[in-house]
Amino acid sequence: MKRPARLSILGKPYKVEFVPIEHIGLRDNAEDNDPGMGRTSPENQEIFVRTGQPLESEQDTVLHEVIHAVDETLGLQLSEYQVTVLATGLLAVLKDNDEFSAYLVQKPCAACGAPERTLNRAYCSLCNVKKVREWQRANPEKVRSARRRKLYNLSAQDHAALMQKQNGLCANAGCGRPAINVDHDHATGKVRGLLCGNCNRALGMVGDSLDRLLGLMDYLSPKSE
């Protein structure tokens, strides 16, 4: 579980720290010397939560301190008892209703306004696909580079070095076309070089078989009648 490090509370950024009891400090309205489970500092926009609590108690404390921050911002002047029962009650409702919790944090798609926005993304699934395709069209070399790394474990630097070594041309010395495809050994996965599209397809059609290639060479060689 990832604890919150920062929270935006009514437009104000609050820092959240989980600290030992001795670092909590006393509330301004504390009636005794017990620092309690947490404390909110509206002036510094900080929330302190006592460590060592059971998970549900810690969650209750965080929500409790958030309500204190809301109270300070809106000037509601809630009593400690009111904050306590509100935090405990709200937490119970949220924990008992998973779909309701998801509904509360749902935001509309930033592109089309549809309510089916994908969690942790700014767009709904359809708009997200469109955005990805737009980015791919605008960044074709980055797409190709990512594909080469994924399929052949070939970095952009290694690819550039091969292109320089081959002068940007197909590794087949008898070809001379631009090198656009990565050729690799299908048995070992090792990259052999860069080929043009036709030569790369030709190797694939013969299954990288040297015997078949030699047979084709012999077939194409002039023969006496």
C-alpha atoms as a PDB file:
ATOM      1  CA  MET A   1       0.000   0.000   0.000  1.00  0.00           C
ATOM      2  CA  LYS A   2       1.311   3.416  -0.954  1.00  0.00           C
ATOM      3  CA  ARG A   3       0.762   6.115   1.626  1.00  0.00           C
ATOM      4  CA  PRO A   4      -0.146   9.589   0.384  1.00  0.00           C
ATOM      5  CA  ALA A   5       2.783  12.006   0.476  1.00  0.00           C
ATOM      6  CA  ARG A   6       0.799  15.005  -0.762  1.00  0.00           C
ATOM      7  CA  LEU A   7      -2.874  15.909  -0.894  1.00  0.00           C
ATOM      8  CA  SER A   8      -4.697  18.721  -2.647  1.00  0.00           C
ATOM      9  CA  ILE A   9      -7.337  19.978  -0.187  1.00  0.00           C
ATOM     10  CA  LEU A  10      -9.692  22.583  -1.643  1.00  0.00           C
ATOM     11  CA  GLY A  11      -6.941  23.774  -3.953  1.00  0.00           C
ATOM     12  CA  LYS A  12      -4.249  23.891  -1.273  1.00  0.00           C
ATOM     13  CA  PRO A  13      -1.269  21.499  -1.476  1.00  0.00           C
ATOM     14  CA  TYR A  14      -0.750  19.708   1.827  1.00  0.00           C
ATOM     15  CA  LYS A  15       2.332  17.676   2.688  1.00  0.00           C
ATOM     16  CA  VAL A  16       1.528  14.430   4.532  1.00  0.00           C
ATOM     17  CA  GLU A  17       4.129  12.965   6.873  1.00  0.00           C
ATOM     18  CA  PHE A  18       3.936   9.680   8.779  1.00  0.00           C
ATOM     19  CA  VAL A  19       6.039  10.181  11.906  1.00  0.00           C
ATOM     20  CA  PRO A  20       6.644   8.684  15.386  1.00  0.00           C
ATOM     21  CA  ILE A  21       4.519   9.913  18.285  1.00  0.00           C
ATOM     22  CA  GLU A  22       7.214  12.279  19.585  1.00  0.00           C
ATOM     23  CA  HIS A  23       7.123  14.213  16.309  1.00  0.00           C
ATOM     24  CA  ILE A  24       3.352  14.699  16.216  1.00  0.00           C
ATOM     25  CA  GLY A  25       3.181  17.702  18.571  1.00  0.00           C
ATOM     26  CA  LEU A  26       0.070  18.970  20.311  1.00  0.00           C
ATOM     27  CA  ARG A  27      -3.030  20.452  18.736  1.00  0.00           C
ATOM     28  CA  ASP A  28      -3.775  24.047  19.560  1.00  0.00           C
ATOM     29  CA  ASN A  29      -7.003  22.945  21.264  1.00  0.00           C
ATOM     30  CA  ALA A  30      -5.564  19.867  23.008  1.00  0.00           C
ATOM     31  CA  GLU A  31      -7.043  19.449  26.478  1.00  0.00           C
ATOM     32  CA  ASP A  32      -4.199  17.284  27.788  1.00  0.00           C
ATOM     33  CA  ASN A  33      -0.651  16.350  26.850  1.00  0.00           C
ATOM     34  CA  ASP A  34      -1.709  13.504  24.553  1.00  0.00           C
ATOM     35  CA  PRO A  35      -0.634  14.358  20.995  1.00  0.00           C
ATOM     36  CA  GLY A  36      -3.284  11.987  19.618  1.00  0.00           C
ATOM     37  CA  MET A  37      -3.001  10.057  16.371  1.00  0.00           C
ATOM     38  CA  GLY A  38      -2.395  13.008  14.091  1.00  0.00           C
ATOM     39  CA  ARG A  39      -2.224  16.761  13.699  1.00  0.00           C
ATOM     40  CA  THR A  40      -2.942  19.321  10.984  1.00  0.00           C
ATOM     41  CA  SER A  41      -0.964  22.526  10.523  1.00  0.00           C
ATOM     42  CA  PRO A  42      -3.047  24.774   8.220  1.00  0.00           C
ATOM     43  CA  GLU A  43      -0.442  27.550   8.377  1.00  0.00           C
ATOM     44  CA  ASN A  44       2.292  25.302   6.978  1.00  0.00           C
ATOM     45  CA  GLN A  45      -0.155  23.136   5.017  1.00  0.00           C
ATOM     46  CA  GLU A  46       1.118  19.962   6.651  1.00  0.00           C
ATOM     47  CA  ILE A  47      -0.563  16.860   8.020  1.00  0.00           C
ATOM     48  CA  PHE A  48       1.224  14.634  10.527  1.00  0.00           C
ATOM     49  CA  VAL A  49       0.057  11.051  11.087  1.00  0.00           C
ATOM     50  CA  ARG A  50       1.318   8.852  13.886  1.00  0.00           C
ATOM     51  CA  THR A  51       3.065   5.660  12.772  1.00  0.00           C
ATOM     52  CA  GLY A  52       2.549   2.291  14.403  1.00  0.00           C
ATOM     53  CA  GLN A  53      -1.240   2.325  14.066  1.00  0.00           C
ATOM     54  CA  PRO A  54      -3.247  -0.532  12.534  1.00  0.00           C
ATOM     55  CA  LEU A  55      -4.083   0.196   8.881  1.00  0.00           C
ATOM     56  CA  GLU A  56      -7.740   1.091   9.413  1.00  0.00           C
ATOM     57  CA  SER A  57      -6.863   3.355  12.328  1.00  0.00           C
ATOM     58  CA  GLU A  58      -4.204   5.077  10.209  1.00  0.00           C
ATOM     59  CA  GLN A  59      -6.690   5.590   7.361  1.00  0.00           C
ATOM     60  CA  ASP A  60      -9.216   7.009   9.828  1.00  0.00           C
ATOM     61  CA  THR A  61      -6.558   9.409  11.122  1.00  0.00           C
ATOM     62  CA  VAL A  62      -5.667  10.647   7.637  1.00  0.00           C
ATOM     63  CA  LEU A  63      -9.329  11.302   6.829  1.00  0.00           C
ATOM     64  CA  HIS A  64      -9.760  12.933  10.247  1.00  0.00           C
ATOM     65  CA  GLU A  65      -6.920  15.364   9.543  1.00  0.00           C
ATOM     66  CA  VAL A  66      -8.218  16.082   6.045  1.00  0.00           C
ATOM     67  CA  ILE A  67     -11.552  17.110   7.554  1.00  0.00           C
ATOM     68  CA  HIS A  68      -9.662  19.395   9.953  1.00  0.00           C
ATOM     69  CA  ALA A  69      -7.950  21.013   6.946  1.00  0.00           C
ATOM     70  CA  VAL A  70     -11.300  21.460   5.191  1.00  0.00           C
ATOM     71  CA  ASP A  71     -12.772  22.911   8.377  1.00  0.00           C
ATOM     72  CA  GLU A  72      -9.920  25.433   8.674  1.00  0.00           C
ATOM     73  CA  THR A  73     -10.256  26.483   5.026  1.00  0.00           C
ATOM     74  CA  LEU A  74     -14.034  26.931   5.125  1.00  0.00           C
ATOM     75  CA  GLY A  75     -14.212  28.291   8.669  1.00  0.00           C
ATOM     76  CA  LEU A  76     -16.833  25.764   9.765  1.00  0.00           C
ATOM     77  CA  GLN A  77     -15.567  25.631  13.351  1.00  0.00           C
ATOM     78  CA  LEU A  78     -16.340  21.936  13.786  1.00  0.00           C
ATOM     79  CA  SER A  79     -15.738  20.433  17.199  1.00  0.00           C
ATOM     80  CA  GLU A  80     -13.239  17.609  17.674  1.00  0.00           C
ATOM     81  CA  TYR A  81     -16.155  15.255  18.309  1.00  0.00           C
ATOM     82  CA  GLN A  82     -17.838  16.263  15.022  1.00  0.00           C
ATOM     83  CA  VAL A  83     -14.608  15.750  13.072  1.00  0.00           C
ATOM     84  CA  THR A  84     -14.116  12.347  14.702  1.00  0.00           C
ATOM     85  CA  VAL A  85     -17.592  11.000  13.933  1.00  0.00           C
ATOM     86  CA  LEU A  86     -17.517  12.423  10.392  1.00  0.00           C
ATOM     87  CA  ALA A  87     -14.165  10.763   9.625  1.00  0.00           C
ATOM     88  CA  THR A  88     -15.169   7.398  11.084  1.00  0.00           C
ATOM     89  CA  GLY A  89     -18.568   7.454   9.380  1.00  0.00           C
ATOM     90  CA  LEU A  90     -17.249   8.486   5.953  1.00  0.00           C
ATOM     91  CA  LEU A  91     -14.463   5.908   6.054  1.00  0.00           C
ATOM     92  CA  ALA A  92     -16.978   3.158   6.893  1.00  0.00           C
ATOM     93  CA  VAL A  93     -19.226   4.169   3.975  1.00  0.00           C
ATOM     94  CA  LEU A  94     -16.301   4.275   1.523  1.00  0.00           C
ATOM     95  CA  LYS A  95     -14.937   0.904   2.668  1.00  0.00           C
ATOM     96  CA  ASP A  96     -18.356  -0.753   2.436  1.00  0.00           C
ATOM     97  CA  ASN A  97     -19.022   0.522  -1.103  1.00  0.00           C
ATOM     98  CA  ASP A  98     -16.172  -0.061  -3.544  1.00  0.00           C
ATOM     99  CA  GLU A  99     -18.163   1.045  -6.606  1.00  0.00           C
ATOM    100  CA  PHE A 100     -19.289   4.201  -4.808  1.00  0.00           C
ATOM    101  CA  SER A 101     -15.658   5.044  -3.976  1.00  0.00           C
ATOM    102  CA  ALA A 102     -14.684   4.589  -7.639  1.00  0.00           C
ATOM    103  CA  TYR A 103     -17.665   6.720  -8.693  1.00  0.00           C
ATOM    104  CA  LEU A 104     -16.606   9.581  -6.421  1.00  0.00           C
ATOM    105  CA  VAL A 105     -13.104   9.817  -7.903  1.00  0.00           C
ATOM    106  CA  GLN A 106     -14.299   9.413 -11.498  1.00  0.00           C
ATOM    107  CA  LYS A 107     -13.553  12.364 -13.781  1.00  0.00           C
ATOM    108  CA  PRO A 108     -14.813  13.081 -17.302  1.00  0.00           C
ATOM    109  CA  CYS A 109     -12.606  12.462 -20.325  1.00  0.00           C
ATOM    110  CA  ALA A 110     -10.460  15.535 -21.000  1.00  0.00           C
ATOM    111  CA  ALA A 111     -11.088  15.214 -24.747  1.00  0.00           C
ATOM    112  CA  CYS A 112     -14.747  14.282 -25.243  1.00  0.00           C
ATOM    113  CA  GLY A 113     -16.237  14.725 -21.766  1.00  0.00           C
ATOM    114  CA  ALA A 114     -17.458  11.141 -21.535  1.00  0.00           C
ATOM    115  CA  PRO A 115     -17.798   9.883 -17.945  1.00  0.00           C
ATOM    116  CA  GLU A 116     -16.010   6.603 -18.711  1.00  0.00           C
ATOM    117  CA  ARG A 117     -12.563   8.054 -18.099  1.00  0.00           C
ATOM    118  CA  THR A 118      -9.909   5.390 -17.551  1.00  0.00           C
ATOM    119  CA  LEU A 119      -8.493   5.376 -14.033  1.00  0.00           C
ATOM    120  CA  ASN A 120      -5.180   7.286 -13.734  1.00  0.00           C
ATOM    121  CA  ARG A 121      -5.556   8.616 -17.289  1.00  0.00           C
ATOM    122  CA  ALA A 122      -6.941  11.870 -18.611  1.00  0.00           C
ATOM    123  CA  TYR A 123      -8.957  10.220 -21.404  1.00  0.00           C
ATOM    124  CA  CYS A 124     -11.611   7.576 -21.921  1.00  0.00           C
ATOM    125  CA  SER A 125     -10.496   4.333 -23.601  1.00  0.00           C
ATOM    126  CA  LEU A 126     -11.513   5.476 -27.120  1.00  0.00           C
ATOM    127  CA  CYS A 127      -9.846   8.883 -26.844  1.00  0.00           C
ATOM    128  CA  ASN A 128      -6.782   7.294 -25.273  1.00  0.00           C
ATOM    129  CA  VAL A 129      -6.392   5.038 -28.324  1.00  0.00           C
ATOM    130  CA  LYS A 130      -6.757   8.091 -30.598  1.00  0.00           C
ATOM    131  CA  LYS A 131      -4.145  10.030 -28.598  1.00  0.00           C
ATOM    132  CA  VAL A 132      -1.712   7.112 -28.744  1.00  0.00           C
ATOM    133  CA  ARG A 133      -2.132   6.828 -32.515  1.00  0.00           C
ATOM    134  CA  GLU A 134      -1.686  10.581 -32.952  1.00  0.00           C
ATOM    135  CA  TRP A 135       1.536  10.432 -30.950  1.00  0.00           C
ATOM    136  CA  GLN A 136       2.754   7.458 -32.972  1.00  0.00           C
ATOM    137  CA  ARG A 137       2.100   9.295 -36.253  1.00  0.00           C
ATOM    138  CA  ALA A 138       3.925  12.360 -34.943  1.00  0.00           C
ATOM    139  CA  ASN A 139       6.887  10.321 -33.629  1.00  0.00           C
ATOM    140  CA  PRO A 140       7.519   7.502 -36.129  1.00  0.00           C
ATOM    141  CA  GLU A 141      11.225   7.140 -35.360  1.00  0.00           C
ATOM    142  CA  LYS A 142      10.558   6.805 -31.624  1.00  0.00           C
ATOM    143  CA  VAL A 143       7.976   4.114 -32.404  1.00  0.00           C
ATOM    144  CA  ARG A 144      10.438   2.222 -34.619  1.00  0.00           C
ATOM    145  CA  SER A 145      13.185   2.576 -32.020  1.00  0.00           C
ATOM    146  CA  ALA A 146      10.933   1.194 -29.290  1.00  0.00           C
ATOM    147  CA  ARG A 147       9.930  -1.709 -31.540  1.00  0.00           C
ATOM    148  CA  ARG A 148      13.572  -2.554 -32.329  1.00  0.00           C
ATOM    149  CA  ARG A 149      14.433  -2.584 -28.651  1.00  0.00           C
ATOM    150  CA  LYS A 150      11.433  -4.752 -27.806  1.00  0.00           C
ATOM    151  CA  LEU A 151      11.859  -7.290 -30.615  1.00  0.00           C
ATOM    152  CA  TYR A 152      15.630  -7.414 -31.022  1.00  0.00           C
ATOM    153  CA  ASN A 153      17.029  -5.797 -27.849  1.00  0.00           C
ATOM    154  CA  LEU A 154      18.689  -3.308 -30.194  1.00  0.00           C
ATOM    155  CA  SER A 155      19.268   0.130 -28.686  1.00  0.00           C
ATOM    156  CA  ALA A 156      19.048   3.355 -30.688  1.00  0.00           C
ATOM    157  CA  GLN A 157      22.827   3.754 -30.335  1.00  0.00           C
ATOM    158  CA  ASP A 158      23.537   0.240 -31.632  1.00  0.00           C
ATOM    159  CA  HIS A 159      21.146   0.749 -34.541  1.00  0.00           C
ATOM    160  CA  ALA A 160      22.832   4.041 -35.431  1.00  0.00           C
ATOM    161  CA  ALA A 161      26.236   2.328 -35.299  1.00  0.00           C
ATOM    162  CA  LEU A 162      25.039  -0.373 -37.720  1.00  0.00           C
ATOM    163  CA  MET A 163      23.617   2.240 -40.085  1.00  0.00           C
ATOM    164  CA  GLN A 164      26.941   4.091 -40.072  1.00  0.00           C
ATOM    165  CA  LYS A 165      28.891   0.881 -40.621  1.00  0.00           C
ATOM    166  CA  GLN A 166      26.708  -0.030 -43.618  1.00  0.00           C
ATOM    167  CA  ASN A 167      26.536   3.563 -44.913  1.00  0.00           C
ATOM    168  CA  GLY A 168      22.783   3.315 -44.555  1.00  0.00           C
ATOM    169  CA  LEU A 169      22.602   0.595 -47.218  1.00  0.00           C
ATOM    170  CA  CYS A 170      21.409  -2.994 -47.246  1.00  0.00           C
ATOM    171  CA  ALA A 171      23.971  -5.446 -45.840  1.00  0.00           C
ATOM    172  CA  ASN A 172      23.622  -7.480 -49.033  1.00  0.00           C
ATOM    173  CA  ALA A 173      26.591  -6.180 -51.011  1.00  0.00           C
ATOM    174  CA  GLY A 174      24.828  -6.877 -54.285  1.00  0.00           C
ATOM    175  CA  CYS A 175      21.773  -4.802 -53.407  1.00  0.00           C
ATOM    176  CA  GLY A 176      22.467  -1.119 -52.736  1.00  0.00           C
ATOM    177  CA  ARG A 177      18.987  -0.232 -51.473  1.00  0.00           C
ATOM    178  CA  PRO A 178      18.427   1.671 -48.164  1.00  0.00           C
ATOM    179  CA  ALA A 179      18.588  -0.493 -45.053  1.00  0.00           C
ATOM    180  CA  ILE A 180      15.220  -0.374 -43.317  1.00  0.00           C
ATOM    181  CA  ASN A 181      14.819  -3.772 -41.631  1.00  0.00           C
ATOM    182  CA  VAL A 182      16.669  -5.492 -38.796  1.00  0.00           C
ATOM    183  CA  ASP A 183      17.806  -8.992 -39.732  1.00  0.00           C
ATOM    184  CA  HIS A 184      18.370 -11.485 -36.928  1.00  0.00           C
ATOM    185  CA  ASP A 185      19.148 -15.153 -36.465  1.00  0.00           C
ATOM    186  CA  HIS A 186      15.826 -16.797 -35.602  1.00  0.00           C
ATOM    187  CA  ALA A 187      17.607 -19.572 -33.699  1.00  0.00           C
ATOM    188  CA  THR A 188      19.754 -17.377 -31.433  1.00  0.00           C
ATOM    189  CA  GLY A 189      17.986 -14.024 -31.673  1.00  0.00           C
ATOM    190  CA  LYS A 190      21.290 -12.314 -32.472  1.00  0.00           C
ATOM    191  CA  VAL A 191      21.125  -9.322 -34.813  1.00  0.00           C
ATOM    192  CA  ARG A 192      23.092  -9.967 -38.003  1.00  0.00           C
ATOM    193  CA  GLY A 193      22.696  -6.652 -39.772  1.00  0.00           C
ATOM    194  CA  LEU A 194      20.295  -4.308 -41.550  1.00  0.00           C
ATOM    195  CA  LEU A 195      18.612  -5.224 -44.815  1.00  0.00           C
ATOM    196  CA  CYS A 196      16.302  -3.586 -47.325  1.00  0.00           C
ATOM    197  CA  GLY A 197      12.720  -4.776 -47.312  1.00  0.00           C
ATOM    198  CA  ASN A 198      13.093  -7.064 -50.349  1.00  0.00           C
ATOM    199  CA  CYS A 199      16.227  -8.824 -49.115  1.00  0.00           C
ATOM    200  CA  ASN A 200      14.736  -9.252 -45.676  1.00  0.00           C
ATOM    201  CA  ARG A 201      11.607 -10.836 -47.158  1.00  0.00           C
ATOM    202  CA  ALA A 202      13.695 -13.032 -49.450  1.00  0.00           C
ATOM    203  CA  LEU A 203      15.570 -14.491 -46.482  1.00  0.00           C
ATOM    204  CA  GLY A 204      12.283 -15.129 -44.763  1.00  0.00           C
ATOM    205  CA  MET A 205      10.816 -16.862 -47.819  1.00  0.00           C
ATOM    206  CA  VAL A 206      13.692 -19.355 -47.954  1.00  0.00           C
ATOM    207  CA  GLY A 207      13.747 -19.804 -44.182  1.00  0.00           C
ATOM    208  CA  ASP A 208      17.334 -18.534 -43.869  1.00  0.00           C
ATOM    209  CA  SER A 209      18.406 -21.734 -45.664  1.00  0.00           C
ATOM    210  CA  LEU A 210      21.862 -21.452 -47.220  1.00  0.00           C
ATOM    211  CA  ASP A 211      21.203 -24.602 -49.280  1.00  0.00           C
ATOM    212  CA  ARG A 212      18.083 -23.071 -50.826  1.00  0.00           C
ATOM    213  CA  LEU A 213      19.901 -19.817 -51.574  1.00  0.00           C
ATOM    214  CA  LEU A 214      22.808 -21.681 -53.195  1.00  0.00           C
ATOM    215  CA  GLY A 215      20.285 -23.684 -55.173  1.00  0.00           C
ATOM    216  CA  LEU A 216      18.686 -20.481 -56.440  1.00  0.00           C
ATOM    217  CA  MET A 217      22.110 -19.094 -57.366  1.00  0.00           C
ATOM    218  CA  ASP A 218      22.852 -22.236 -59.318  1.00  0.00           C
ATOM    219  CA  TYR A 219      19.430 -22.035 -60.954  1.00  0.00           C
ATOM    220  CA  LEU A 220      20.067 -18.449 -62.065  1.00  0.00           C
ATOM    221  CA  SER A 221      23.615 -19.140 -63.313  1.00  0.00           C
ATOM    222  CA  PRO A 222      24.073 -19.298 -67.106  1.00  0.00           C
ATOM    223  CA  LYS A 223      24.336 -22.877 -68.322  1.00  0.00           C
ATOM    224  CA  SER A 224      25.713 -24.154 -71.572  1.00  0.00           C
ATOM    225  CA  GLU A 225      23.137 -25.740 -73.868  1.00  0.00           C
END
